[in-house]
N, C-alpha and C. Protein backbone atom coordinates (compact mmCIF):
# COMPACT_ATOMS: atom_id res chain seq x y z
N MET A 1 0.83 -1.20 0.00
CA MET A 1 0.00 0.00 0.00
C MET A 1 0.87 1.25 0.00
N LYS A 2 1.95 1.22 0.78
CA LYS A 2 2.83 2.38 0.83
C LYS A 2 3.50 2.63 -0.51
N LYS A 3 3.77 1.54 -1.24
CA LYS A 3 4.39 1.67 -2.55
C LYS A 3 3.46 2.39 -3.53
N ILE A 4 2.17 2.06 -3.46
CA ILE A 4 1.18 2.69 -4.34
C ILE A 4 1.06 4.17 -4.00
N ILE A 5 1.01 4.49 -2.73
CA ILE A 5 0.91 5.89 -2.31
C ILE A 5 2.15 6.66 -2.75
N ALA A 6 3.32 6.04 -2.63
CA ALA A 6 4.56 6.69 -3.06
C ALA A 6 4.55 6.95 -4.56
N GLN A 7 4.00 6.02 -5.34
CA GLN A 7 3.91 6.22 -6.78
C GLN A 7 2.97 7.36 -7.13
N PHE A 8 1.84 7.44 -6.43
CA PHE A 8 0.91 8.55 -6.67
C PHE A 8 1.56 9.89 -6.31
N ARG A 9 2.26 9.93 -5.21
CA ARG A 9 2.95 11.17 -4.83
C ARG A 9 3.98 11.56 -5.89
N SER A 10 4.70 10.57 -6.39
CA SER A 10 5.69 10.83 -7.42
C SER A 10 5.02 11.37 -8.68
N PHE A 11 3.89 10.78 -9.05
CA PHE A 11 3.16 11.23 -10.22
C PHE A 11 2.68 12.66 -10.05
N PHE A 12 2.08 12.97 -8.90
CA PHE A 12 1.58 14.32 -8.67
C PHE A 12 2.71 15.34 -8.58
N THR A 13 3.85 14.93 -8.07
CA THR A 13 5.01 15.82 -8.05
C THR A 13 5.46 16.13 -9.47
N ALA A 14 5.47 15.13 -10.33
CA ALA A 14 5.85 15.34 -11.72
C ALA A 14 4.86 16.27 -12.41
N VAL A 15 3.58 16.09 -12.14
CA VAL A 15 2.56 16.95 -12.75
C VAL A 15 2.74 18.39 -12.27
N ARG A 16 3.00 18.58 -10.97
CA ARG A 16 3.23 19.93 -10.44
C ARG A 16 4.46 20.57 -11.09
N ASP A 17 5.51 19.79 -11.31
CA ASP A 17 6.71 20.32 -11.95
C ASP A 17 6.42 20.80 -13.37
N VAL A 18 5.69 20.00 -14.12
CA VAL A 18 5.34 20.38 -15.49
C VAL A 18 4.45 21.60 -15.48
N ASN A 19 3.47 21.64 -14.59
CA ASN A 19 2.56 22.79 -14.52
C ASN A 19 3.31 24.06 -14.16
N SER A 20 4.26 23.98 -13.26
CA SER A 20 5.01 25.18 -12.89
C SER A 20 5.91 25.63 -14.04
N LYS A 21 6.41 24.69 -14.82
CA LYS A 21 7.27 25.05 -15.96
C LYS A 21 6.48 25.83 -17.01
N TYR A 22 5.24 25.42 -17.25
CA TYR A 22 4.44 26.04 -18.31
C TYR A 22 3.38 26.99 -17.76
N LYS A 23 3.58 27.50 -16.56
CA LYS A 23 2.62 28.42 -15.96
C LYS A 23 2.49 29.71 -16.78
N GLU A 24 3.61 30.24 -17.19
CA GLU A 24 3.63 31.45 -18.01
C GLU A 24 3.75 31.06 -19.48
N PRO A 25 2.97 31.70 -20.35
CA PRO A 25 3.06 31.36 -21.78
C PRO A 25 4.41 31.77 -22.36
N HIS A 26 4.89 30.97 -23.30
CA HIS A 26 6.19 31.25 -23.93
C HIS A 26 6.04 32.00 -25.24
N ILE A 27 4.82 32.17 -25.71
CA ILE A 27 4.59 32.90 -26.95
C ILE A 27 3.61 34.03 -26.68
N ARG A 28 3.65 35.01 -27.54
CA ARG A 28 2.71 36.11 -27.42
C ARG A 28 1.51 35.82 -28.31
N MET A 29 0.34 36.16 -27.80
CA MET A 29 -0.88 35.96 -28.57
C MET A 29 -1.47 37.32 -28.91
N THR A 30 -1.98 37.40 -30.11
CA THR A 30 -2.70 38.61 -30.47
C THR A 30 -4.08 38.57 -29.82
N ARG A 31 -4.75 39.69 -29.82
CA ARG A 31 -6.09 39.74 -29.24
C ARG A 31 -7.04 38.81 -29.97
N THR A 32 -6.86 38.71 -31.28
CA THR A 32 -7.72 37.84 -32.07
C THR A 32 -7.56 36.38 -31.66
N VAL A 33 -6.32 35.95 -31.47
CA VAL A 33 -6.06 34.57 -31.07
C VAL A 33 -6.61 34.33 -29.67
N ALA A 34 -6.37 35.25 -28.76
CA ALA A 34 -6.87 35.10 -27.40
C ALA A 34 -8.39 35.03 -27.38
N LEU A 35 -9.04 35.88 -28.17
CA LEU A 35 -10.49 35.86 -28.26
C LEU A 35 -10.99 34.55 -28.86
N SER A 36 -10.32 34.08 -29.88
CA SER A 36 -10.70 32.81 -30.50
C SER A 36 -10.59 31.66 -29.52
N LEU A 37 -9.51 31.61 -28.76
CA LEU A 37 -9.35 30.55 -27.77
C LEU A 37 -10.39 30.64 -26.67
N PHE A 38 -10.72 31.86 -26.27
CA PHE A 38 -11.76 32.05 -25.26
C PHE A 38 -13.11 31.56 -25.78
N MET A 39 -13.42 31.88 -27.04
CA MET A 39 -14.68 31.44 -27.63
C MET A 39 -14.73 29.91 -27.74
N LEU A 40 -13.62 29.30 -28.08
CA LEU A 40 -13.56 27.84 -28.14
C LEU A 40 -13.78 27.22 -26.76
N ARG A 41 -13.24 27.87 -25.73
CA ARG A 41 -13.44 27.38 -24.37
C ARG A 41 -14.91 27.47 -23.98
N LEU A 42 -15.55 28.60 -24.32
CA LEU A 42 -16.98 28.73 -24.04
C LEU A 42 -17.79 27.69 -24.80
N TYR A 43 -17.43 27.44 -26.05
CA TYR A 43 -18.11 26.43 -26.86
C TYR A 43 -17.96 25.05 -26.23
N LEU A 44 -16.78 24.73 -25.75
CA LEU A 44 -16.55 23.44 -25.09
C LEU A 44 -17.44 23.30 -23.86
N PHE A 45 -17.49 24.33 -23.01
CA PHE A 45 -18.35 24.27 -21.83
C PHE A 45 -19.82 24.13 -22.22
N PHE A 46 -20.22 24.80 -23.27
CA PHE A 46 -21.60 24.72 -23.76
C PHE A 46 -21.92 23.29 -24.20
N ILE A 47 -21.04 22.66 -24.96
CA ILE A 47 -21.26 21.30 -25.44
C ILE A 47 -21.31 20.32 -24.27
N VAL A 48 -20.40 20.49 -23.30
CA VAL A 48 -20.40 19.60 -22.13
C VAL A 48 -21.69 19.78 -21.33
N ALA A 49 -22.17 21.02 -21.20
CA ALA A 49 -23.42 21.27 -20.48
C ALA A 49 -24.59 20.60 -21.19
N ILE A 50 -24.62 20.66 -22.51
CA ILE A 50 -25.70 20.00 -23.26
C ILE A 50 -25.64 18.49 -23.03
N LEU A 51 -24.45 17.91 -23.08
CA LEU A 51 -24.32 16.47 -22.85
C LEU A 51 -24.78 16.08 -21.44
N LEU A 52 -24.42 16.88 -20.45
CA LEU A 52 -24.85 16.60 -19.08
C LEU A 52 -26.36 16.69 -18.94
N LEU A 53 -26.95 17.71 -19.53
CA LEU A 53 -28.40 17.85 -19.47
C LEU A 53 -29.10 16.67 -20.15
N LYS A 54 -28.56 16.23 -21.28
CA LYS A 54 -29.14 15.09 -21.97
C LYS A 54 -29.02 13.82 -21.11
N PHE A 55 -27.87 13.62 -20.49
CA PHE A 55 -27.68 12.47 -19.63
C PHE A 55 -28.64 12.51 -18.44
N ILE A 56 -28.78 13.67 -17.82
CA ILE A 56 -29.67 13.81 -16.67
C ILE A 56 -31.11 13.56 -17.08
N SER A 57 -31.52 14.09 -18.23
CA SER A 57 -32.90 13.88 -18.66
C SER A 57 -33.17 12.41 -18.99
N LEU A 58 -32.20 11.74 -19.60
CA LEU A 58 -32.37 10.31 -19.87
C LEU A 58 -32.38 9.50 -18.57
N ALA A 59 -31.53 9.87 -17.63
CA ALA A 59 -31.49 9.15 -16.37
C ALA A 59 -32.79 9.34 -15.59
N ALA A 60 -33.36 10.53 -15.65
CA ALA A 60 -34.61 10.81 -14.93
C ALA A 60 -35.77 10.00 -15.51
N LYS A 61 -35.74 9.78 -16.82
CA LYS A 61 -36.80 9.02 -17.47
C LYS A 61 -36.56 7.51 -17.35
N GLY A 62 -35.38 7.13 -16.95
CA GLY A 62 -35.05 5.72 -16.88
C GLY A 62 -34.69 5.14 -18.23
N GLY A 63 -34.28 5.99 -19.13
CA GLY A 63 -33.99 5.54 -20.49
C GLY A 63 -32.53 5.31 -20.77
N LEU A 64 -31.74 4.99 -19.77
CA LEU A 64 -30.31 4.74 -20.00
C LEU A 64 -30.04 3.31 -20.45
N GLY A 65 -31.03 2.46 -20.37
CA GLY A 65 -30.85 1.08 -20.79
C GLY A 65 -30.15 0.22 -19.77
N VAL A 66 -30.07 0.70 -18.54
CA VAL A 66 -29.43 -0.07 -17.46
C VAL A 66 -30.44 -1.07 -16.93
N ILE A 67 -30.01 -2.29 -16.79
CA ILE A 67 -30.91 -3.34 -16.28
C ILE A 67 -31.12 -3.12 -14.78
N PRO A 68 -32.38 -3.01 -14.34
CA PRO A 68 -32.64 -2.76 -12.92
C PRO A 68 -32.32 -3.94 -12.03
C-alpha cells in the first residue's frame, strides 16, 4: 500500500513540476487569437453542459438502458 501511495505522490510531483514550468506562456498571442481561444473554451463548456443535461434527462426518465 505504501508503494502505491509513493507512486501517486511521485506522479503528482511530476505533474506539479510540469505545470510550474508552463505556468507562463512562452509565446505572445494577439487579441484575435486570445479571443478565438476564449470562444472555443466557451463552446466546449456549452457542449459539455448539453451532454450533461441530456444524460440527466435520460437518467430521470429511466432511459439509460441499465438493467434494474
